[in-house]
Amino acid sequence: GSKVAFALNVGNFRPNGGTPDEGIRVIKAD
């Protein structure tokens, strides 16, 4: 319960990649 993983998407989906600002992200419980 110390962290939360989630999916981040900015704009439209792009095949075979995306930008460094997209993907799975992990934050703390706060």
PDB file of all heavy atoms in Angstrom:
ATOM      1  N   GLY A   1       0.785  -1.221   0.000  1.00  0.00           N
ATOM      2  CA  GLY A   1       0.000   0.000   0.000  1.00  0.00           C
ATOM      3  C   GLY A   1       0.817   1.270   0.000  1.00  0.00           C
ATOM      4  O   GLY A   1       0.271   2.362   0.230  1.00  0.00           O
ATOM      5  N   SER A   2       2.116   1.167  -0.292  1.00  0.00           N
ATOM      6  CA  SER A   2       2.973   2.368  -0.248  1.00  0.00           C
ATOM      7  C   SER A   2       3.049   3.084  -1.586  1.00  0.00           C
ATOM      8  O   SER A   2       3.436   4.258  -1.644  1.00  0.00           O
ATOM      9  CB  SER A   2       4.382   1.975   0.199  1.00  0.00           C
ATOM     10  OG  SER A   2       4.983   1.106  -0.758  1.00  0.00           O
ATOM     11  N   LYS A   3       2.683   2.391  -2.686  1.00  0.00           N
ATOM     12  CA  LYS A   3       2.827   2.980  -4.020  1.00  0.00           C
ATOM     13  C   LYS A   3       1.612   2.642  -4.881  1.00  0.00           C
ATOM     14  O   LYS A   3       0.891   1.665  -4.607  1.00  0.00           O
ATOM     15  CB  LYS A   3       4.099   2.454  -4.697  1.00  0.00           C
ATOM     16  CG  LYS A   3       5.386   2.826  -3.996  1.00  0.00           C
ATOM     17  CD  LYS A   3       6.604   2.297  -4.717  1.00  0.00           C
ATOM     18  CE  LYS A   3       6.760   0.789  -4.563  1.00  0.00           C
ATOM     19  NZ  LYS A   3       7.069   0.389  -3.185  1.00  0.00           N
ATOM     20  N   VAL A   4       1.430   3.446  -5.934  1.00  0.00           N
ATOM     21  CA  VAL A   4       0.369   3.206  -6.916  1.00  0.00           C
ATOM     22  C   VAL A   4       0.992   3.291  -8.310  1.00  0.00           C
ATOM     23  O   VAL A   4       1.626   4.291  -8.663  1.00  0.00           O
ATOM     24  CB  VAL A   4      -0.767   4.248  -6.804  1.00  0.00           C
ATOM     25  CG1 VAL A   4      -1.819   3.990  -7.884  1.00  0.00           C
ATOM     26  CG2 VAL A   4      -1.401   4.216  -5.427  1.00  0.00           C
ATOM     27  N   ALA A   5       0.825   2.224  -9.086  1.00  0.00           N
ATOM     28  CA  ALA A   5       1.227   2.240 -10.497  1.00  0.00           C
ATOM     29  C   ALA A   5      -0.013   2.558 -11.338  1.00  0.00           C
ATOM     30  O   ALA A   5      -1.127   2.143 -11.001  1.00  0.00           O
ATOM     31  CB  ALA A   5       1.806   0.891 -10.884  1.00  0.00           C
ATOM     32  N   PHE A   6       0.156   3.288 -12.422  1.00  0.00           N
ATOM     33  CA  PHE A   6      -0.984   3.627 -13.278  1.00  0.00           C
ATOM     34  C   PHE A   6      -0.488   3.865 -14.699  1.00  0.00           C
ATOM     35  O   PHE A   6       0.726   3.982 -14.954  1.00  0.00           O
ATOM     36  CB  PHE A   6      -1.730   4.857 -12.747  1.00  0.00           C
ATOM     37  CG  PHE A   6      -0.909   6.109 -12.690  1.00  0.00           C
ATOM     38  CD1 PHE A   6      -0.884   7.014 -13.748  1.00  0.00           C
ATOM     39  CD2 PHE A   6      -0.137   6.408 -11.563  1.00  0.00           C
ATOM     40  CE1 PHE A   6      -0.123   8.172 -13.697  1.00  0.00           C
ATOM     41  CE2 PHE A   6       0.621   7.565 -11.505  1.00  0.00           C
ATOM     42  CZ  PHE A   6       0.634   8.449 -12.561  1.00  0.00           C
ATOM     43  N   ALA A   7      -1.443   3.943 -15.630  1.00  0.00           N
ATOM     44  CA  ALA A   7      -1.107   4.179 -17.037  1.00  0.00           C
ATOM     45  C   ALA A   7      -1.290   5.662 -17.357  1.00  0.00           C
ATOM     46  O   ALA A   7      -2.324   6.257 -17.019  1.00  0.00           O
ATOM     47  CB  ALA A   7      -1.998   3.334 -17.939  1.00  0.00           C
ATOM     48  N   LEU A   8      -0.287   6.244 -18.014  1.00  0.00           N
ATOM     49  CA  LEU A   8      -0.339   7.659 -18.424  1.00  0.00           C
ATOM     50  C   LEU A   8      -0.299   7.743 -19.937  1.00  0.00           C
ATOM     51  O   LEU A   8       0.568   7.158 -20.586  1.00  0.00           O
ATOM     52  CB  LEU A   8       0.845   8.420 -17.822  1.00  0.00           C
ATOM     53  CG  LEU A   8       1.029   9.870 -18.313  1.00  0.00           C
ATOM     54  CD1 LEU A   8      -0.168  10.740 -17.907  1.00  0.00           C
ATOM     55  CD2 LEU A   8       2.337  10.455 -17.763  1.00  0.00           C
ATOM     56  N   ASN A   9      -1.253   8.506 -20.505  1.00  0.00           N
ATOM     57  CA  ASN A   9      -1.271   8.719 -21.947  1.00  0.00           C
ATOM     58  C   ASN A   9      -1.489  10.194 -22.222  1.00  0.00           C
ATOM     59  O   ASN A   9      -2.341  10.818 -21.595  1.00  0.00           O
ATOM     60  CB  ASN A   9      -2.377   7.895 -22.605  1.00  0.00           C
ATOM     61  CG  ASN A   9      -2.488   8.154 -24.092  1.00  0.00           C
ATOM     62  OD1 ASN A   9      -3.391   8.874 -24.523  1.00  0.00           O
ATOM     63  ND2 ASN A   9      -1.576   7.590 -24.871  1.00  0.00           N
ATOM     64  N   VAL A  10      -0.713  10.710 -23.119  1.00  0.00           N
ATOM     65  CA  VAL A  10      -0.839  12.109 -23.514  1.00  0.00           C
ATOM     66  C   VAL A  10      -1.172  12.159 -25.004  1.00  0.00           C
ATOM     67  O   VAL A  10      -0.359  11.750 -25.836  1.00  0.00           O
ATOM     68  CB  VAL A  10       0.463  12.899 -23.249  1.00  0.00           C
ATOM     69  CG1 VAL A  10       0.290  14.359 -23.686  1.00  0.00           C
ATOM     70  CG2 VAL A  10       0.856  12.811 -21.796  1.00  0.00           C
ATOM     71  N   GLY A  11      -2.361  12.615 -25.350  1.00  0.00           N
ATOM     72  CA  GLY A  11      -2.753  12.694 -26.750  1.00  0.00           C
ATOM     73  C   GLY A  11      -3.206  11.354 -27.286  1.00  0.00           C
ATOM     74  O   GLY A  11      -3.600  10.445 -26.537  1.00  0.00           O
ATOM     75  N   ASN A  12      -3.109  11.187 -28.603  1.00  0.00           N
ATOM     76  CA  ASN A  12      -3.576   9.982 -29.263  1.00  0.00           C
ATOM     77  C   ASN A  12      -2.567   8.842 -29.109  1.00  0.00           C
ATOM     78  O   ASN A  12      -1.362   9.067 -28.979  1.00  0.00           O
ATOM     79  CB  ASN A  12      -3.805  10.257 -30.757  1.00  0.00           C
ATOM     80  CG  ASN A  12      -4.909  11.270 -30.981  1.00  0.00           C
ATOM     81  OD1 ASN A  12      -5.889  11.314 -30.253  1.00  0.00           O
ATOM     82  ND2 ASN A  12      -4.725  12.108 -32.015  1.00  0.00           N
ATOM     83  N   PHE A  13      -3.089   7.610 -29.170  1.00  0.00           N
ATOM     84  CA  PHE A  13      -2.209   6.452 -29.143  1.00  0.00           C
ATOM     85  C   PHE A  13      -1.381   6.395 -30.418  1.00  0.00           C
ATOM     86  O   PHE A  13      -1.856   6.688 -31.514  1.00  0.00           O
ATOM     87  CB  PHE A  13      -3.028   5.153 -29.018  1.00  0.00           C
ATOM     88  CG  PHE A  13      -3.551   4.930 -27.637  1.00  0.00           C
ATOM     89  CD1 PHE A  13      -4.892   5.133 -27.355  1.00  0.00           C
ATOM     90  CD2 PHE A  13      -2.702   4.516 -26.626  1.00  0.00           C
ATOM     91  CE1 PHE A  13      -5.376   4.922 -26.083  1.00  0.00           C
ATOM     92  CE2 PHE A  13      -3.185   4.297 -25.349  1.00  0.00           C
ATOM     93  CZ  PHE A  13      -4.532   4.503 -25.070  1.00  0.00           C
ATOM     94  N   ARG A  14      -0.116   6.017 -30.279  1.00  0.00           N
ATOM     95  CA  ARG A  14       0.775   5.878 -31.433  1.00  0.00           C
ATOM     96  C   ARG A  14       1.390   4.479 -31.404  1.00  0.00           C
ATOM     97  O   ARG A  14       1.809   4.014 -30.339  1.00  0.00           O
ATOM     98  CB  ARG A  14       1.877   6.936 -31.398  1.00  0.00           C
ATOM     99  CG  ARG A  14       1.354   8.342 -31.710  1.00  0.00           C
ATOM    100  CD  ARG A  14       2.407   9.393 -31.449  1.00  0.00           C
ATOM    101  NE  ARG A  14       2.698   9.518 -30.028  1.00  0.00           N
ATOM    102  CZ  ARG A  14       1.950  10.259 -29.191  1.00  0.00           C
ATOM    103  NH1 ARG A  14       0.902  10.919 -29.652  1.00  0.00           N
ATOM    104  NH2 ARG A  14       2.267  10.342 -27.927  1.00  0.00           N
ATOM    105  N   PRO A  15       1.450   3.833 -32.518  1.00  0.00           N
ATOM    106  CA  PRO A  15       2.018   2.481 -32.534  1.00  0.00           C
ATOM    107  C   PRO A  15       3.517   2.486 -32.265  1.00  0.00           C
ATOM    108  O   PRO A  15       4.221   3.435 -32.588  1.00  0.00           O
ATOM    109  CB  PRO A  15       1.716   1.987 -33.953  1.00  0.00           C
ATOM    110  CG  PRO A  15       1.644   3.226 -34.778  1.00  0.00           C
ATOM    111  CD  PRO A  15       1.054   4.276 -33.875  1.00  0.00           C
ATOM    112  N   ASN A  16       3.933   1.383 -31.623  1.00  0.00           N
ATOM    113  CA  ASN A  16       5.361   1.141 -31.410  1.00  0.00           C
ATOM    114  C   ASN A  16       6.058   2.268 -30.652  1.00  0.00           C
ATOM    115  O   ASN A  16       7.137   2.727 -31.011  1.00  0.00           O
ATOM    116  CB  ASN A  16       6.081   0.913 -32.743  1.00  0.00           C
ATOM    117  CG  ASN A  16       5.496  -0.254 -33.509  1.00  0.00           C
ATOM    118  OD1 ASN A  16       5.181  -1.274 -32.915  1.00  0.00           O
ATOM    119  ND2 ASN A  16       5.320  -0.088 -34.820  1.00  0.00           N
ATOM    120  N   GLY A  17       5.432   2.736 -29.634  1.00  0.00           N
ATOM    121  CA  GLY A  17       6.143   3.710 -28.819  1.00  0.00           C
ATOM    122  C   GLY A  17       5.266   4.799 -28.293  1.00  0.00           C
ATOM    123  O   GLY A  17       4.236   4.563 -27.712  1.00  0.00           O
ATOM    124  N   GLY A  18       5.656   6.020 -28.518  1.00  0.00           N
ATOM    125  CA  GLY A  18       4.991   7.159 -27.949  1.00  0.00           C
ATOM    126  C   GLY A  18       6.037   8.174 -27.604  1.00  0.00           C
ATOM    127  O   GLY A  18       7.054   8.311 -28.297  1.00  0.00           O
ATOM    128  N   THR A  19       5.844   8.871 -26.525  1.00  0.00           N
ATOM    129  CA  THR A  19       6.819   9.865 -26.090  1.00  0.00           C
ATOM    130  C   THR A  19       7.345   9.465 -24.723  1.00  0.00           C
ATOM    131  O   THR A  19       6.732   8.657 -24.015  1.00  0.00           O
ATOM    132  CB  THR A  19       6.148  11.246 -25.995  1.00  0.00           C
ATOM    133  OG1 THR A  19       5.252  11.253 -24.896  1.00  0.00           O
ATOM    134  CG2 THR A  19       5.397  11.568 -27.289  1.00  0.00           C
ATOM    135  N   PRO A  20       8.474  10.043 -24.306  1.00  0.00           N
ATOM    136  CA  PRO A  20       8.988   9.738 -22.968  1.00  0.00           C
ATOM    137  C   PRO A  20       8.017  10.131 -21.852  1.00  0.00           C
ATOM    138  O   PRO A  20       8.176   9.689 -20.718  1.00  0.00           O
ATOM    139  CB  PRO A  20      10.281  10.561 -22.898  1.00  0.00           C
ATOM    140  CG  PRO A  20      10.699  10.729 -24.311  1.00  0.00           C
ATOM    141  CD  PRO A  20       9.403  10.851 -25.083  1.00  0.00           C
ATOM    142  N   ASP A  21       7.026  10.945 -22.199  1.00  0.00           N
ATOM    143  CA  ASP A  21       6.079  11.375 -21.176  1.00  0.00           C
ATOM    144  C   ASP A  21       4.928  10.383 -20.982  1.00  0.00           C
ATOM    145  O   ASP A  21       4.022  10.657 -20.194  1.00  0.00           O
ATOM    146  CB  ASP A  21       5.480  12.734 -21.562  1.00  0.00           C
ATOM    147  CG  ASP A  21       6.558  13.817 -21.607  1.00  0.00           C
ATOM    148  OD1 ASP A  21       7.516  13.694 -20.819  1.00  0.00           O
ATOM    149  OD2 ASP A  21       6.416  14.742 -22.419  1.00  0.00           O
ATOM    150  N   GLU A  22       4.925   9.254 -21.685  1.00  0.00           N
ATOM    151  CA  GLU A  22       3.821   8.309 -21.601  1.00  0.00           C
ATOM    152  C   GLU A  22       4.317   6.935 -21.163  1.00  0.00           C
ATOM    153  O   GLU A  22       5.507   6.623 -21.257  1.00  0.00           O
ATOM    154  CB  GLU A  22       3.114   8.199 -22.960  1.00  0.00           C
ATOM    155  CG  GLU A  22       2.501   9.510 -23.429  1.00  0.00           C
ATOM    156  CD  GLU A  22       1.894   9.389 -24.805  1.00  0.00           C
ATOM    157  OE1 GLU A  22       2.636   9.006 -25.739  1.00  0.00           O
ATOM    158  OE2 GLU A  22       0.696   9.687 -24.958  1.00  0.00           O
ATOM    159  N   GLY A  23       3.372   6.121 -20.699  1.00  0.00           N
ATOM    160  CA  GLY A  23       3.708   4.762 -20.265  1.00  0.00           C
ATOM    161  C   GLY A  23       3.208   4.501 -18.840  1.00  0.00           C
ATOM    162  O   GLY A  23       2.308   5.185 -18.331  1.00  0.00           O
ATOM    163  N   ILE A  24       3.791   3.479 -18.186  1.00  0.00           N
ATOM    164  CA  ILE A  24       3.452   3.152 -16.792  1.00  0.00           C
ATOM    165  C   ILE A  24       4.226   4.076 -15.862  1.00  0.00           C
ATOM    166  O   ILE A  24       5.452   4.214 -15.976  1.00  0.00           O
ATOM    167  CB  ILE A  24       3.787   1.675 -16.471  1.00  0.00           C
ATOM    168  CG1 ILE A  24       3.080   0.736 -17.439  1.00  0.00           C
ATOM    169  CG2 ILE A  24       3.404   1.344 -15.028  1.00  0.00           C
ATOM    170  CD1 ILE A  24       1.576   0.755 -17.339  1.00  0.00           C
ATOM    171  N   ARG A  25       3.494   4.695 -14.918  1.00  0.00           N
ATOM    172  CA  ARG A  25       4.094   5.590 -13.926  1.00  0.00           C
ATOM    173  C   ARG A  25       3.827   5.042 -12.510  1.00  0.00           C
ATOM    174  O   ARG A  25       2.848   4.317 -12.288  1.00  0.00           O
ATOM    175  CB  ARG A  25       3.520   7.005 -14.052  1.00  0.00           C
ATOM    176  CG  ARG A  25       3.772   7.660 -15.403  1.00  0.00           C
ATOM    177  CD  ARG A  25       5.248   8.011 -15.559  1.00  0.00           C
ATOM    178  NE  ARG A  25       5.511   8.624 -16.866  1.00  0.00           N
ATOM    179  CZ  ARG A  25       5.954   7.968 -17.927  1.00  0.00           C
ATOM    180  NH1 ARG A  25       6.123   6.661 -17.876  1.00  0.00           N
ATOM    181  NH2 ARG A  25       6.220   8.606 -19.058  1.00  0.00           N
ATOM    182  N   VAL A  26       4.706   5.422 -11.572  1.00  0.00           N
ATOM    183  CA  VAL A  26       4.569   4.954 -10.189  1.00  0.00           C
ATOM    184  C   VAL A  26       4.702   6.156  -9.259  1.00  0.00           C
ATOM    185  O   VAL A  26       5.681   6.919  -9.352  1.00  0.00           O
ATOM    186  CB  VAL A  26       5.620   3.886  -9.830  1.00  0.00           C
ATOM    187  CG1 VAL A  26       5.402   3.395  -8.396  1.00  0.00           C
ATOM    188  CG2 VAL A  26       5.558   2.717 -10.806  1.00  0.00           C
ATOM    189  N   ILE A  27       3.725   6.324  -8.377  1.00  0.00           N
ATOM    190  CA  ILE A  27       3.755   7.391  -7.367  1.00  0.00           C
ATOM    191  C   ILE A  27       3.621   6.769  -5.982  1.00  0.00           C
ATOM    192  O   ILE A  27       3.233   5.604  -5.818  1.00  0.00           O
ATOM    193  CB  ILE A  27       2.612   8.409  -7.593  1.00  0.00           C
ATOM    194  CG1 ILE A  27       1.249   7.696  -7.563  1.00  0.00           C
ATOM    195  CG2 ILE A  27       2.834   9.179  -8.890  1.00  0.00           C
ATOM    196  CD1 ILE A  27       0.055   8.634  -7.661  1.00  0.00           C
ATOM    197  N   LYS A  28       3.955   7.565  -4.974  1.00  0.00           N
ATOM    198  CA  LYS A  28       3.781   7.133  -3.587  1.00  0.00           C
ATOM    199  C   LYS A  28       2.311   7.292  -3.177  1.00  0.00           C
ATOM    200  O   LYS A  28       1.521   7.927  -3.876  1.00  0.00           O
ATOM    201  CB  LYS A  28       4.665   7.954  -2.660  1.00  0.00           C
ATOM    202  CG  LYS A  28       6.151   7.777  -2.898  1.00  0.00           C
ATOM    203  CD  LYS A  28       6.953   8.642  -1.936  1.00  0.00           C
ATOM    204  CE  LYS A  28       8.452   8.516  -2.194  1.00  0.00           C
ATOM    205  NZ  LYS A  28       9.233   9.385  -1.269  1.00  0.00           N
ATOM    206  N   ALA A  29       1.972   6.747  -2.016  1.00  0.00           N
ATOM    207  CA  ALA A  29       0.586   6.797  -1.531  1.00  0.00           C
ATOM    208  C   ALA A  29       0.132   8.221  -1.251  1.00  0.00           C
ATOM    209  O   ALA A  29      -1.079   8.486  -1.200  1.00  0.00           O
ATOM    210  CB  ALA A  29       0.425   5.938  -0.278  1.00  0.00           C
ATOM    211  N   ASP A  30       1.076   9.153  -1.083  1.00  0.00           N
ATOM    212  CA  ASP A  30       0.698  10.541  -0.842  1.00  0.00           C
ATOM    213  C   ASP A  30       0.628  11.352  -2.133  1.00  0.00           C
ATOM    214  O   ASP A  30       0.413  12.573  -2.096  1.00  0.00           O
ATOM    215  CB  ASP A  30       1.668  11.201   0.144  1.00  0.00           C
ATOM    216  CG  ASP A  30       3.107  11.233  -0.368  1.00  0.00           C
ATOM    217  OD1 ASP A  30       3.359  10.773  -1.516  1.00  0.00           O
ATOM    218  OD2 ASP A  30       3.993  11.688   0.379  1.00  0.00           O
TER     219      ASP A  30
END
